[in-house]
N, C-alpha and C. Protein backbone atom coordinates (compact mmCIF):
# COMPACT_ATOMS: atom_id res chain seq x y z
N UNK A 1 -12.21 14.73 13.61
CA UNK A 1 -11.41 13.68 12.98
C UNK A 1 -11.14 14.06 11.53
N UNK A 2 -9.92 13.78 11.07
CA UNK A 2 -9.56 14.13 9.71
C UNK A 2 -10.45 13.44 8.68
N UNK A 3 -10.65 14.10 7.57
CA UNK A 3 -11.49 13.55 6.50
C UNK A 3 -10.59 12.95 5.43
N UNK A 4 -10.73 11.66 5.19
CA UNK A 4 -9.91 10.99 4.19
C UNK A 4 -10.82 10.42 3.11
N UNK A 5 -10.50 10.72 1.86
CA UNK A 5 -11.30 10.26 0.74
C UNK A 5 -10.64 9.03 0.12
N UNK A 6 -11.44 8.00 -0.10
CA UNK A 6 -10.89 6.74 -0.58
C UNK A 6 -10.28 6.88 -1.97
N UNK A 7 -10.83 7.78 -2.79
CA UNK A 7 -10.25 8.03 -4.11
C UNK A 7 -8.87 8.63 -4.00
N UNK A 8 -8.70 9.52 -3.03
CA UNK A 8 -7.40 10.14 -2.80
C UNK A 8 -6.39 9.11 -2.29
N UNK A 9 -6.85 8.24 -1.38
CA UNK A 9 -5.96 7.22 -0.83
C UNK A 9 -5.59 6.17 -1.87
N UNK A 10 -6.45 6.00 -2.87
CA UNK A 10 -6.14 5.04 -3.93
C UNK A 10 -4.85 5.43 -4.66
N UNK A 11 -4.56 6.72 -4.72
CA UNK A 11 -3.32 7.18 -5.36
C UNK A 11 -2.09 6.71 -4.59
N UNK A 12 -2.26 6.41 -3.31
CA UNK A 12 -1.14 5.95 -2.48
C UNK A 12 -0.97 4.44 -2.52
N UNK A 13 -1.90 3.75 -3.16
CA UNK A 13 -1.97 2.29 -3.04
C UNK A 13 -0.90 1.54 -3.82
N UNK A 14 -0.12 2.26 -4.66
CA UNK A 14 0.99 1.63 -5.37
C UNK A 14 0.57 0.40 -6.16
N UNK A 15 -0.55 0.52 -6.89
CA UNK A 15 -1.00 -0.56 -7.75
C UNK A 15 -1.73 -1.68 -7.05
N UNK A 16 -1.90 -1.58 -5.73
CA UNK A 16 -2.57 -2.65 -4.99
C UNK A 16 -4.09 -2.53 -5.05
N UNK A 17 -4.60 -1.41 -5.55
CA UNK A 17 -6.04 -1.29 -5.75
C UNK A 17 -6.79 -0.72 -4.57
N UNK A 18 -8.11 -0.81 -4.65
CA UNK A 18 -8.97 -0.21 -3.65
C UNK A 18 -8.98 -1.00 -2.35
N UNK A 19 -8.53 -2.24 -2.37
CA UNK A 19 -8.40 -2.98 -1.12
C UNK A 19 -7.38 -2.33 -0.21
N UNK A 20 -6.26 -1.89 -0.78
CA UNK A 20 -5.24 -1.20 0.00
C UNK A 20 -5.72 0.18 0.40
N UNK A 21 -6.46 0.86 -0.49
CA UNK A 21 -7.02 2.17 -0.16
C UNK A 21 -7.96 2.04 1.04
N UNK A 22 -8.74 0.97 1.08
CA UNK A 22 -9.64 0.72 2.22
C UNK A 22 -8.83 0.52 3.50
N UNK A 23 -7.77 -0.27 3.40
CA UNK A 23 -6.90 -0.49 4.56
C UNK A 23 -6.35 0.83 5.08
N UNK A 24 -5.87 1.66 4.16
CA UNK A 24 -5.33 2.95 4.56
C UNK A 24 -6.40 3.80 5.26
N UNK A 25 -7.62 3.75 4.74
CA UNK A 25 -8.70 4.56 5.29
C UNK A 25 -8.96 4.22 6.75
N UNK A 26 -9.11 2.95 7.07
CA UNK A 26 -9.43 2.57 8.45
C UNK A 26 -8.23 2.77 9.37
N UNK A 27 -7.03 2.56 8.87
CA UNK A 27 -5.84 2.79 9.71
C UNK A 27 -5.66 4.27 10.01
N UNK A 28 -5.89 5.12 9.02
CA UNK A 28 -5.74 6.56 9.24
C UNK A 28 -6.75 7.08 10.26
N UNK A 29 -7.93 6.54 10.24
CA UNK A 29 -8.92 6.94 11.25
C UNK A 29 -8.46 6.55 12.65
N UNK A 30 -7.87 5.36 12.77
CA UNK A 30 -7.35 4.93 14.06
C UNK A 30 -6.21 5.85 14.51
N UNK A 31 -5.33 6.21 13.59
CA UNK A 31 -4.23 7.12 13.93
C UNK A 31 -4.75 8.47 14.37
N UNK A 32 -5.81 8.96 13.72
CA UNK A 32 -6.41 10.23 14.11
C UNK A 32 -6.90 10.17 15.56
N UNK A 33 -7.61 9.10 15.89
CA UNK A 33 -8.14 8.97 17.26
C UNK A 33 -7.02 8.86 18.28
N UNK A 34 -5.99 8.08 17.92
CA UNK A 34 -4.91 7.84 18.88
C UNK A 34 -4.09 9.10 19.15
N UNK A 35 -3.86 9.91 18.14
CA UNK A 35 -2.99 11.07 18.29
C UNK A 35 -3.73 12.31 18.75
N UNK A 36 -5.05 12.27 18.81
CA UNK A 36 -5.81 13.45 19.22
C UNK A 36 -5.40 13.90 20.62
N UNK A 37 -4.98 15.15 20.76
CA UNK A 37 -4.60 15.70 22.05
C UNK A 37 -3.16 15.41 22.47
N UNK A 38 -2.43 14.60 21.70
CA UNK A 38 -1.03 14.29 22.03
C UNK A 38 -0.09 15.30 21.37
N UNK A 39 0.99 15.61 22.04
CA UNK A 39 2.00 16.51 21.49
C UNK A 39 3.02 15.67 20.71
N UNK A 40 2.90 15.69 19.41
CA UNK A 40 3.75 14.87 18.56
C UNK A 40 4.46 15.75 17.53
N UNK A 41 5.76 15.58 17.45
CA UNK A 41 6.56 16.27 16.44
C UNK A 41 7.36 15.30 15.58
N UNK A 42 7.82 14.20 16.21
CA UNK A 42 8.66 13.25 15.49
C UNK A 42 7.99 11.87 15.44
N UNK A 43 8.01 11.25 14.26
CA UNK A 43 7.40 9.94 14.07
C UNK A 43 8.41 9.03 13.38
N UNK A 44 8.64 7.86 13.94
CA UNK A 44 9.51 6.87 13.32
C UNK A 44 8.66 5.78 12.69
N UNK A 45 8.85 5.56 11.40
CA UNK A 45 8.24 4.41 10.73
C UNK A 45 9.24 3.27 10.84
N UNK A 46 8.87 2.24 11.60
CA UNK A 46 9.80 1.16 11.94
C UNK A 46 9.60 0.01 10.95
N UNK A 47 10.46 -0.04 9.94
CA UNK A 47 10.41 -1.10 8.94
C UNK A 47 9.33 -0.86 7.90
N UNK A 48 9.49 -1.46 6.74
CA UNK A 48 8.50 -1.38 5.67
C UNK A 48 7.81 -2.74 5.53
N UNK A 49 6.60 -2.77 4.98
CA UNK A 49 5.84 -4.02 4.91
C UNK A 49 6.61 -5.17 4.25
N UNK A 50 6.35 -6.35 4.75
CA UNK A 50 7.03 -7.56 4.27
C UNK A 50 6.92 -7.75 2.77
N UNK A 51 5.74 -7.49 2.22
CA UNK A 51 5.51 -7.88 0.83
C UNK A 51 4.75 -6.84 0.02
N UNK A 52 3.69 -6.29 0.58
CA UNK A 52 2.80 -5.42 -0.18
C UNK A 52 2.91 -3.97 0.29
N UNK A 53 3.08 -3.05 -0.66
CA UNK A 53 3.03 -1.64 -0.32
C UNK A 53 4.26 -1.12 0.38
N UNK A 54 4.20 0.19 0.72
CA UNK A 54 5.35 0.89 1.30
C UNK A 54 4.94 1.74 2.50
N UNK A 55 3.82 1.43 3.11
CA UNK A 55 3.32 2.22 4.23
C UNK A 55 3.18 3.69 3.88
N UNK A 56 2.75 3.97 2.66
CA UNK A 56 2.59 5.35 2.24
C UNK A 56 1.51 6.06 3.04
N UNK A 57 0.60 5.32 3.65
CA UNK A 57 -0.41 5.97 4.50
C UNK A 57 0.25 6.65 5.70
N UNK A 58 1.30 6.05 6.25
CA UNK A 58 2.00 6.66 7.38
C UNK A 58 2.66 7.98 6.98
N UNK A 59 3.32 7.98 5.82
CA UNK A 59 4.00 9.20 5.37
C UNK A 59 2.99 10.28 5.00
N UNK A 60 1.88 9.86 4.42
CA UNK A 60 0.79 10.78 4.10
C UNK A 60 0.25 11.40 5.39
N UNK A 61 0.06 10.59 6.41
CA UNK A 61 -0.44 11.06 7.70
C UNK A 61 0.51 12.08 8.32
N UNK A 62 1.79 11.77 8.30
CA UNK A 62 2.78 12.69 8.87
C UNK A 62 2.78 14.03 8.14
N UNK A 63 2.70 13.99 6.83
CA UNK A 63 2.70 15.24 6.06
C UNK A 63 1.42 16.04 6.33
N UNK A 64 0.31 15.35 6.41
CA UNK A 64 -0.97 16.01 6.66
C UNK A 64 -0.99 16.68 8.03
N UNK A 65 -0.35 16.04 9.01
CA UNK A 65 -0.36 16.55 10.39
C UNK A 65 0.82 17.47 10.70
N UNK A 66 1.78 17.56 9.77
CA UNK A 66 2.95 18.39 10.01
C UNK A 66 3.98 17.76 10.92
N UNK A 67 3.99 16.42 10.99
CA UNK A 67 4.98 15.71 11.80
C UNK A 67 6.25 15.46 10.98
N UNK A 68 7.38 15.36 11.65
CA UNK A 68 8.63 15.01 10.99
C UNK A 68 8.73 13.48 10.95
N UNK A 69 8.82 12.93 9.74
CA UNK A 69 8.85 11.48 9.58
C UNK A 69 10.29 10.99 9.45
N UNK A 70 10.60 9.94 10.20
CA UNK A 70 11.89 9.26 10.14
C UNK A 70 11.63 7.81 9.74
N UNK A 71 12.65 7.17 9.16
CA UNK A 71 12.48 5.80 8.68
C UNK A 71 13.63 4.92 9.12
N UNK A 72 13.27 3.74 9.61
CA UNK A 72 14.24 2.69 9.87
C UNK A 72 13.87 1.53 8.95
N UNK A 73 14.62 1.37 7.86
CA UNK A 73 14.27 0.35 6.87
C UNK A 73 15.44 -0.01 6.00
N UNK A 74 15.27 -1.09 5.22
CA UNK A 74 16.34 -1.55 4.35
C UNK A 74 16.57 -0.57 3.20
N UNK A 75 17.82 -0.34 2.85
CA UNK A 75 18.14 0.65 1.82
C UNK A 75 17.53 0.29 0.47
N UNK A 76 17.45 -1.00 0.16
CA UNK A 76 16.89 -1.40 -1.13
C UNK A 76 15.43 -0.99 -1.26
N UNK A 77 14.69 -1.07 -0.16
CA UNK A 77 13.28 -0.67 -0.16
C UNK A 77 13.16 0.85 -0.05
N UNK A 78 14.10 1.48 0.63
CA UNK A 78 14.05 2.92 0.82
C UNK A 78 14.12 3.66 -0.50
N UNK A 79 14.94 3.17 -1.43
CA UNK A 79 15.06 3.81 -2.74
C UNK A 79 13.71 3.79 -3.47
N UNK A 80 13.05 2.65 -3.44
CA UNK A 80 11.73 2.55 -4.08
C UNK A 80 10.72 3.46 -3.39
N UNK A 81 10.80 3.53 -2.07
CA UNK A 81 9.90 4.39 -1.31
C UNK A 81 10.10 5.85 -1.71
N UNK A 82 11.34 6.30 -1.77
CA UNK A 82 11.61 7.69 -2.12
C UNK A 82 11.12 8.02 -3.52
N UNK A 83 11.23 7.08 -4.43
CA UNK A 83 10.72 7.31 -5.79
C UNK A 83 9.21 7.50 -5.77
N UNK A 84 8.52 6.68 -4.96
CA UNK A 84 7.07 6.81 -4.84
C UNK A 84 6.68 8.14 -4.20
N UNK A 85 7.40 8.54 -3.18
CA UNK A 85 7.11 9.81 -2.51
C UNK A 85 7.35 10.99 -3.44
N UNK A 86 8.42 10.92 -4.22
CA UNK A 86 8.69 11.98 -5.19
C UNK A 86 7.57 12.09 -6.21
N UNK A 87 7.10 10.95 -6.68
CA UNK A 87 6.03 10.93 -7.68
C UNK A 87 4.74 11.53 -7.12
N UNK A 88 4.52 11.33 -5.84
CA UNK A 88 3.32 11.84 -5.19
C UNK A 88 3.52 13.24 -4.62
N UNK A 89 4.72 13.79 -4.83
CA UNK A 89 5.08 15.11 -4.33
C UNK A 89 4.92 15.19 -2.82
N UNK A 90 5.43 14.15 -2.15
CA UNK A 90 5.41 14.08 -0.69
C UNK A 90 6.85 14.11 -0.18
N UNK A 91 7.02 14.56 1.04
CA UNK A 91 8.35 14.70 1.62
C UNK A 91 8.98 13.34 1.90
N UNK A 92 10.28 13.24 1.60
CA UNK A 92 11.02 12.03 1.95
C UNK A 92 11.27 12.00 3.45
N UNK A 93 11.35 10.79 4.03
CA UNK A 93 11.62 10.70 5.48
C UNK A 93 13.09 10.96 5.79
N UNK A 94 13.34 11.36 7.00
CA UNK A 94 14.71 11.49 7.49
C UNK A 94 15.22 10.12 7.92
N UNK A 95 16.53 9.95 7.90
CA UNK A 95 17.11 8.70 8.40
C UNK A 95 16.95 8.63 9.91
N UNK A 96 16.64 7.44 10.40
CA UNK A 96 16.45 7.27 11.84
C UNK A 96 17.74 7.58 12.58
N UNK A 97 17.78 8.72 13.27
CA UNK A 97 19.02 9.13 13.95
C UNK A 97 18.76 9.72 15.32
N UNK A 98 17.55 9.53 15.85
CA UNK A 98 17.22 10.03 17.17
C UNK A 98 17.12 8.88 18.16
N UNK A 99 17.29 9.19 19.44
CA UNK A 99 17.17 8.16 20.47
C UNK A 99 15.73 8.03 20.96
N UNK A 100 14.95 9.08 20.74
CA UNK A 100 13.57 9.06 21.21
C UNK A 100 12.67 9.66 20.14
N UNK A 101 11.46 9.08 20.01
CA UNK A 101 10.46 9.57 19.07
C UNK A 101 9.14 9.73 19.79
N UNK A 102 8.38 10.74 19.38
CA UNK A 102 7.08 10.97 20.00
C UNK A 102 6.08 9.87 19.65
N UNK A 103 6.28 9.25 18.49
CA UNK A 103 5.38 8.20 18.03
C UNK A 103 6.14 7.25 17.11
N UNK A 104 5.88 5.95 17.26
CA UNK A 104 6.45 4.96 16.35
C UNK A 104 5.29 4.18 15.71
N UNK A 105 5.38 4.01 14.40
CA UNK A 105 4.39 3.26 13.64
C UNK A 105 5.09 2.14 12.88
N UNK A 106 4.44 0.99 12.81
CA UNK A 106 5.00 -0.13 12.06
C UNK A 106 3.86 -0.94 11.48
N UNK A 107 4.00 -1.34 10.22
CA UNK A 107 2.93 -2.09 9.56
C UNK A 107 3.48 -3.30 8.82
N UNK A 108 2.98 -4.48 9.17
CA UNK A 108 3.27 -5.72 8.45
C UNK A 108 4.76 -5.97 8.28
N UNK A 109 5.50 -5.73 9.36
CA UNK A 109 6.95 -5.91 9.32
C UNK A 109 7.45 -6.93 10.34
N UNK A 110 7.13 -6.74 11.61
CA UNK A 110 7.79 -7.55 12.64
C UNK A 110 7.34 -9.00 12.63
N UNK A 111 6.19 -9.31 12.02
CA UNK A 111 5.72 -10.70 12.00
C UNK A 111 6.65 -11.59 11.18
N UNK A 112 7.45 -11.00 10.31
CA UNK A 112 8.32 -11.77 9.44
C UNK A 112 9.70 -12.02 10.06
N UNK A 113 9.90 -11.53 11.27
CA UNK A 113 11.19 -11.69 11.94
C UNK A 113 11.19 -12.97 12.79
N UNK A 114 12.38 -13.47 13.08
CA UNK A 114 12.48 -14.61 13.99
C UNK A 114 12.04 -14.17 15.38
N UNK A 115 11.70 -15.12 16.24
CA UNK A 115 11.20 -14.79 17.57
C UNK A 115 12.17 -13.93 18.36
N UNK A 116 13.46 -14.28 18.33
CA UNK A 116 14.45 -13.53 19.09
C UNK A 116 14.60 -12.11 18.57
N UNK A 117 14.65 -11.96 17.25
CA UNK A 117 14.79 -10.63 16.66
C UNK A 117 13.53 -9.81 16.92
N UNK A 118 12.39 -10.45 16.85
CA UNK A 118 11.12 -9.76 17.10
C UNK A 118 11.06 -9.23 18.53
N UNK A 119 11.49 -10.04 19.48
CA UNK A 119 11.52 -9.60 20.87
C UNK A 119 12.48 -8.43 21.07
N UNK A 120 13.64 -8.51 20.40
CA UNK A 120 14.62 -7.42 20.50
C UNK A 120 14.06 -6.13 19.91
N UNK A 121 13.34 -6.24 18.80
CA UNK A 121 12.71 -5.07 18.18
C UNK A 121 11.67 -4.46 19.11
N UNK A 122 10.89 -5.30 19.75
CA UNK A 122 9.86 -4.81 20.68
C UNK A 122 10.50 -4.05 21.83
N UNK A 123 11.58 -4.58 22.38
CA UNK A 123 12.26 -3.91 23.48
C UNK A 123 12.85 -2.58 23.00
N UNK A 124 13.39 -2.56 21.81
CA UNK A 124 13.96 -1.33 21.26
C UNK A 124 12.89 -0.27 21.07
N UNK A 125 11.75 -0.68 20.55
CA UNK A 125 10.65 0.27 20.33
C UNK A 125 10.17 0.84 21.66
N UNK A 126 10.04 0.00 22.67
CA UNK A 126 9.56 0.48 23.98
C UNK A 126 10.53 1.47 24.60
N UNK A 127 11.82 1.31 24.33
CA UNK A 127 12.80 2.24 24.87
C UNK A 127 12.79 3.58 24.13
N UNK A 128 12.37 3.55 22.86
CA UNK A 128 12.44 4.76 22.04
C UNK A 128 11.20 5.63 22.11
N UNK A 129 10.10 5.11 22.65
CA UNK A 129 8.86 5.89 22.65
C UNK A 129 7.90 5.43 23.72
N UNK A 130 6.96 6.31 24.04
CA UNK A 130 5.86 5.95 24.93
C UNK A 130 4.56 5.81 24.17
N UNK A 131 4.63 6.05 22.85
CA UNK A 131 3.44 5.97 21.99
C UNK A 131 3.78 5.19 20.73
N UNK A 132 3.06 4.13 20.48
CA UNK A 132 3.31 3.34 19.27
C UNK A 132 2.05 2.57 18.89
N UNK A 133 1.89 2.36 17.60
CA UNK A 133 0.87 1.44 17.09
C UNK A 133 1.56 0.48 16.14
N UNK A 134 1.45 -0.80 16.43
CA UNK A 134 2.10 -1.84 15.63
C UNK A 134 1.02 -2.66 14.94
N UNK A 135 1.05 -2.69 13.61
CA UNK A 135 0.09 -3.45 12.81
C UNK A 135 0.79 -4.68 12.23
N UNK A 136 0.12 -5.82 12.24
CA UNK A 136 0.64 -7.03 11.59
C UNK A 136 -0.52 -7.78 10.94
N UNK A 137 -0.25 -8.64 9.96
CA UNK A 137 -1.32 -9.48 9.41
C UNK A 137 -1.96 -10.31 10.52
N UNK A 138 -3.27 -10.43 10.47
CA UNK A 138 -4.02 -11.15 11.48
C UNK A 138 -3.94 -12.65 11.23
N UNK A 139 -3.27 -13.34 12.10
CA UNK A 139 -3.07 -14.78 11.94
C UNK A 139 -4.37 -15.56 11.98
N UNK A 140 -5.39 -14.99 12.62
CA UNK A 140 -6.67 -15.69 12.73
C UNK A 140 -7.49 -15.62 11.45
N UNK A 141 -7.07 -14.79 10.51
CA UNK A 141 -7.72 -14.76 9.19
C UNK A 141 -7.03 -15.79 8.30
N UNK A 142 -7.67 -16.91 8.09
CA UNK A 142 -7.06 -18.02 7.37
C UNK A 142 -6.85 -17.72 5.88
N UNK A 143 -7.49 -16.65 5.38
CA UNK A 143 -7.37 -16.32 3.96
C UNK A 143 -5.97 -15.84 3.60
N UNK A 144 -5.19 -15.40 4.59
CA UNK A 144 -3.82 -14.96 4.29
C UNK A 144 -3.01 -16.10 3.67
N UNK A 145 -3.19 -17.30 4.19
CA UNK A 145 -2.44 -18.45 3.68
C UNK A 145 -2.79 -18.72 2.22
N UNK A 146 -4.04 -18.49 1.85
CA UNK A 146 -4.51 -18.79 0.50
C UNK A 146 -4.20 -17.69 -0.50
N UNK A 147 -4.33 -16.42 -0.08
CA UNK A 147 -4.25 -15.32 -1.04
C UNK A 147 -2.98 -14.47 -0.96
N UNK A 148 -2.49 -14.18 0.24
CA UNK A 148 -1.36 -13.25 0.35
C UNK A 148 -0.02 -13.93 0.63
N UNK A 149 -0.06 -15.08 1.27
CA UNK A 149 1.18 -15.75 1.65
C UNK A 149 1.90 -15.07 2.78
N UNK A 150 1.24 -14.13 3.46
CA UNK A 150 1.87 -13.41 4.56
C UNK A 150 1.79 -14.22 5.85
N UNK A 151 2.88 -14.17 6.61
CA UNK A 151 2.83 -14.72 7.96
C UNK A 151 2.07 -13.72 8.83
N UNK A 152 1.74 -14.10 10.03
CA UNK A 152 0.98 -13.20 10.88
C UNK A 152 1.12 -13.54 12.35
N UNK A 153 0.48 -12.73 13.18
CA UNK A 153 0.45 -12.95 14.62
C UNK A 153 -0.98 -12.80 15.10
N UNK A 154 -1.29 -13.37 16.25
CA UNK A 154 -2.56 -13.13 16.89
C UNK A 154 -2.46 -11.83 17.69
N UNK A 155 -3.59 -11.15 17.82
CA UNK A 155 -3.58 -9.85 18.50
C UNK A 155 -3.07 -9.96 19.92
N UNK A 156 -3.49 -11.00 20.65
CA UNK A 156 -3.05 -11.16 22.03
C UNK A 156 -1.55 -11.39 22.12
N UNK A 157 -1.02 -12.17 21.15
CA UNK A 157 0.42 -12.42 21.14
C UNK A 157 1.21 -11.16 20.84
N UNK A 158 0.70 -10.35 19.91
CA UNK A 158 1.35 -9.08 19.59
C UNK A 158 1.34 -8.15 20.80
N UNK A 159 0.20 -8.07 21.48
CA UNK A 159 0.09 -7.22 22.66
C UNK A 159 1.04 -7.70 23.76
N UNK A 160 1.12 -9.02 23.94
CA UNK A 160 2.02 -9.57 24.95
C UNK A 160 3.48 -9.24 24.67
N UNK A 161 3.82 -9.19 23.40
CA UNK A 161 5.19 -8.86 23.00
C UNK A 161 5.58 -7.47 23.49
N UNK A 162 4.59 -6.56 23.53
CA UNK A 162 4.85 -5.18 23.93
C UNK A 162 4.31 -4.85 25.32
N UNK A 163 3.90 -5.89 26.05
CA UNK A 163 3.33 -5.70 27.39
C UNK A 163 2.19 -4.67 27.36
N UNK A 164 1.33 -4.80 26.35
CA UNK A 164 0.24 -3.86 26.16
C UNK A 164 -1.10 -4.50 26.49
N UNK A 165 -1.99 -3.70 27.06
CA UNK A 165 -3.35 -4.16 27.32
C UNK A 165 -4.33 -3.68 26.25
N UNK A 166 -3.82 -2.94 25.28
CA UNK A 166 -4.68 -2.35 24.25
C UNK A 166 -4.36 -2.96 22.90
N UNK A 167 -5.29 -3.71 22.37
CA UNK A 167 -5.09 -4.35 21.07
C UNK A 167 -6.44 -4.52 20.39
N UNK A 168 -6.40 -4.85 19.10
CA UNK A 168 -7.66 -5.02 18.39
C UNK A 168 -7.46 -5.50 16.97
N UNK A 169 -8.53 -5.48 16.21
CA UNK A 169 -8.54 -5.97 14.83
C UNK A 169 -9.08 -4.86 13.93
N UNK A 170 -8.53 -4.78 12.72
CA UNK A 170 -8.90 -3.69 11.82
C UNK A 170 -8.77 -4.17 10.38
N UNK A 171 -9.40 -3.44 9.46
CA UNK A 171 -9.36 -3.77 8.03
C UNK A 171 -10.13 -5.06 7.76
N UNK A 172 -11.45 -4.98 7.89
CA UNK A 172 -12.32 -6.13 7.66
C UNK A 172 -13.33 -5.83 6.57
N UNK A 173 -12.89 -5.67 5.33
CA UNK A 173 -13.82 -5.42 4.23
C UNK A 173 -14.59 -6.69 3.88
N UNK A 174 -15.46 -6.60 2.89
CA UNK A 174 -16.31 -7.74 2.52
C UNK A 174 -15.64 -8.60 1.45
N UNK A 175 -14.31 -8.61 1.42
CA UNK A 175 -13.56 -9.47 0.51
C UNK A 175 -12.27 -9.89 1.21
N UNK A 176 -11.68 -11.02 0.83
CA UNK A 176 -10.49 -11.52 1.52
C UNK A 176 -9.25 -10.70 1.19
N UNK A 177 -8.20 -10.81 2.00
CA UNK A 177 -6.95 -10.08 1.72
C UNK A 177 -6.33 -10.55 0.42
N UNK A 178 -5.69 -9.60 -0.28
CA UNK A 178 -5.01 -9.93 -1.52
C UNK A 178 -5.86 -9.81 -2.76
N UNK A 179 -7.14 -9.47 -2.60
CA UNK A 179 -8.05 -9.34 -3.74
C UNK A 179 -8.09 -7.88 -4.19
N UNK A 180 -7.91 -7.64 -5.50
CA UNK A 180 -7.97 -6.28 -6.03
C UNK A 180 -9.38 -5.98 -6.54
N UNK A 181 -9.86 -4.80 -6.20
CA UNK A 181 -11.18 -4.39 -6.67
C UNK A 181 -11.02 -3.42 -7.84
N UNK A 182 -10.69 -3.94 -9.00
CA UNK A 182 -10.49 -3.09 -10.16
C UNK A 182 -11.80 -2.42 -10.60
N UNK A 183 -12.91 -3.11 -10.39
CA UNK A 183 -14.19 -2.57 -10.84
C UNK A 183 -14.60 -1.34 -10.04
N UNK A 184 -13.98 -1.11 -8.90
CA UNK A 184 -14.35 0.04 -8.08
C UNK A 184 -14.07 1.35 -8.79
N UNK A 185 -13.10 1.35 -9.70
CA UNK A 185 -12.72 2.56 -10.41
C UNK A 185 -13.91 3.18 -11.15
N UNK A 186 -14.79 2.34 -11.68
CA UNK A 186 -15.92 2.83 -12.48
C UNK A 186 -17.27 2.63 -11.77
N UNK A 187 -17.24 2.42 -10.48
CA UNK A 187 -18.47 2.16 -9.76
C UNK A 187 -18.58 3.08 -8.54
N UNK A 188 -19.38 4.13 -8.66
CA UNK A 188 -19.58 5.02 -7.53
C UNK A 188 -20.28 4.31 -6.39
N UNK A 189 -21.18 3.38 -6.73
CA UNK A 189 -21.90 2.64 -5.69
C UNK A 189 -20.93 1.80 -4.86
N UNK A 190 -19.98 1.13 -5.54
CA UNK A 190 -19.03 0.29 -4.82
C UNK A 190 -18.12 1.13 -3.94
N UNK A 191 -17.72 2.31 -4.43
CA UNK A 191 -16.90 3.20 -3.61
C UNK A 191 -17.68 3.67 -2.38
N UNK A 192 -18.95 4.02 -2.59
CA UNK A 192 -19.80 4.42 -1.47
C UNK A 192 -19.94 3.29 -0.48
N UNK A 193 -20.10 2.06 -1.00
CA UNK A 193 -20.26 0.90 -0.13
C UNK A 193 -18.99 0.66 0.69
N UNK A 194 -17.83 0.83 0.08
CA UNK A 194 -16.57 0.66 0.81
C UNK A 194 -16.46 1.64 1.97
N UNK A 195 -16.81 2.89 1.71
CA UNK A 195 -16.73 3.91 2.76
C UNK A 195 -17.73 3.60 3.88
N UNK A 196 -18.98 3.26 3.50
CA UNK A 196 -19.99 2.93 4.50
C UNK A 196 -19.58 1.71 5.32
N UNK A 197 -19.03 0.70 4.64
CA UNK A 197 -18.60 -0.52 5.33
C UNK A 197 -17.46 -0.21 6.30
N UNK A 198 -16.59 0.72 5.95
CA UNK A 198 -15.45 1.05 6.80
C UNK A 198 -15.90 1.60 8.15
N UNK A 199 -17.05 2.29 8.18
CA UNK A 199 -17.58 2.78 9.45
C UNK A 199 -18.26 1.67 10.24
N UNK A 200 -18.81 0.69 9.53
CA UNK A 200 -19.59 -0.35 10.18
C UNK A 200 -18.78 -1.57 10.59
N UNK A 201 -17.54 -1.69 10.09
CA UNK A 201 -16.79 -2.93 10.34
C UNK A 201 -16.53 -3.17 11.82
N UNK A 202 -16.52 -2.11 12.63
CA UNK A 202 -16.29 -2.27 14.06
C UNK A 202 -17.42 -3.04 14.74
N UNK A 203 -18.56 -3.13 14.06
CA UNK A 203 -19.73 -3.81 14.64
C UNK A 203 -19.84 -5.27 14.21
N UNK A 204 -18.96 -5.70 13.30
CA UNK A 204 -19.05 -7.07 12.78
C UNK A 204 -18.80 -8.09 13.89
N UNK A 205 -19.69 -9.06 14.08
CA UNK A 205 -19.49 -10.05 15.14
C UNK A 205 -18.30 -10.97 14.89
N UNK A 206 -17.91 -11.12 13.63
CA UNK A 206 -16.79 -12.00 13.30
C UNK A 206 -15.52 -11.20 12.97
N UNK A 207 -15.45 -9.96 13.46
CA UNK A 207 -14.32 -9.09 13.10
C UNK A 207 -12.97 -9.70 13.48
N UNK A 208 -12.95 -10.44 14.57
CA UNK A 208 -11.70 -11.05 15.03
C UNK A 208 -11.11 -11.98 13.97
N UNK A 209 -11.96 -12.70 13.26
CA UNK A 209 -11.48 -13.67 12.26
C UNK A 209 -11.50 -13.12 10.84
N UNK A 210 -12.30 -12.08 10.60
CA UNK A 210 -12.41 -11.52 9.25
C UNK A 210 -11.40 -10.41 8.98
N UNK A 211 -10.94 -9.74 10.02
CA UNK A 211 -10.01 -8.62 9.82
C UNK A 211 -8.70 -9.08 9.20
N UNK A 212 -8.21 -8.28 8.27
CA UNK A 212 -6.94 -8.61 7.63
C UNK A 212 -5.76 -8.31 8.54
N UNK A 213 -5.94 -7.37 9.46
CA UNK A 213 -4.84 -6.87 10.27
C UNK A 213 -5.26 -6.84 11.74
N UNK A 214 -4.31 -7.07 12.62
CA UNK A 214 -4.52 -6.81 14.05
C UNK A 214 -3.45 -5.82 14.50
N UNK A 215 -3.65 -5.23 15.66
CA UNK A 215 -2.73 -4.19 16.11
C UNK A 215 -2.60 -4.19 17.63
N UNK A 216 -1.52 -3.59 18.09
CA UNK A 216 -1.31 -3.35 19.53
C UNK A 216 -0.89 -1.91 19.69
N UNK A 217 -1.34 -1.30 20.78
CA UNK A 217 -1.06 0.10 21.06
C UNK A 217 -0.26 0.23 22.34
N UNK A 218 0.80 1.03 22.30
CA UNK A 218 1.58 1.32 23.50
C UNK A 218 1.16 2.69 24.01
């Protein structure tokens, strides 16, 4: 499995702090497990997050693995994304122009769509690939309403949208969503604790309600 350092991922966090770096860490590990042994050359990033970040973990993953990244997103957000990628000396994505992709990734995007548009997006994604991981804010984590203002979906509902039997919860640190850990910059112990917690979060009995994100796998 690829080795990802939380300090390195913090550079991708776009000012969101170590909470976002933690999110990237656990998502990248899931992507590593999912893609192991699969023949992947093309990856479509389907939409950019509703409010926070630019899914830079996806682009980082593609560059690290040597995959060709494509993007389907709003032009206003794409310009900001390209500026961030240039600053990080990472490759810009290609415009979505293929009918089929080896892998599709989406994070915190489809939950903000109307039901009809969301269903249409799900059907489109299923036609374009046989491999996809869709991440959305976890509706069962009530802290989203208080801290992030993000809408969300339940994991079972997300899986049903894609006719998937594989779903779960991820990104369950020991603080609520939307909280920045500025003190982590000067605390080696806190950074160590974040990394250790990221391995142990799968064992949390309340992970379903504590996780910031849920996902479905095609």
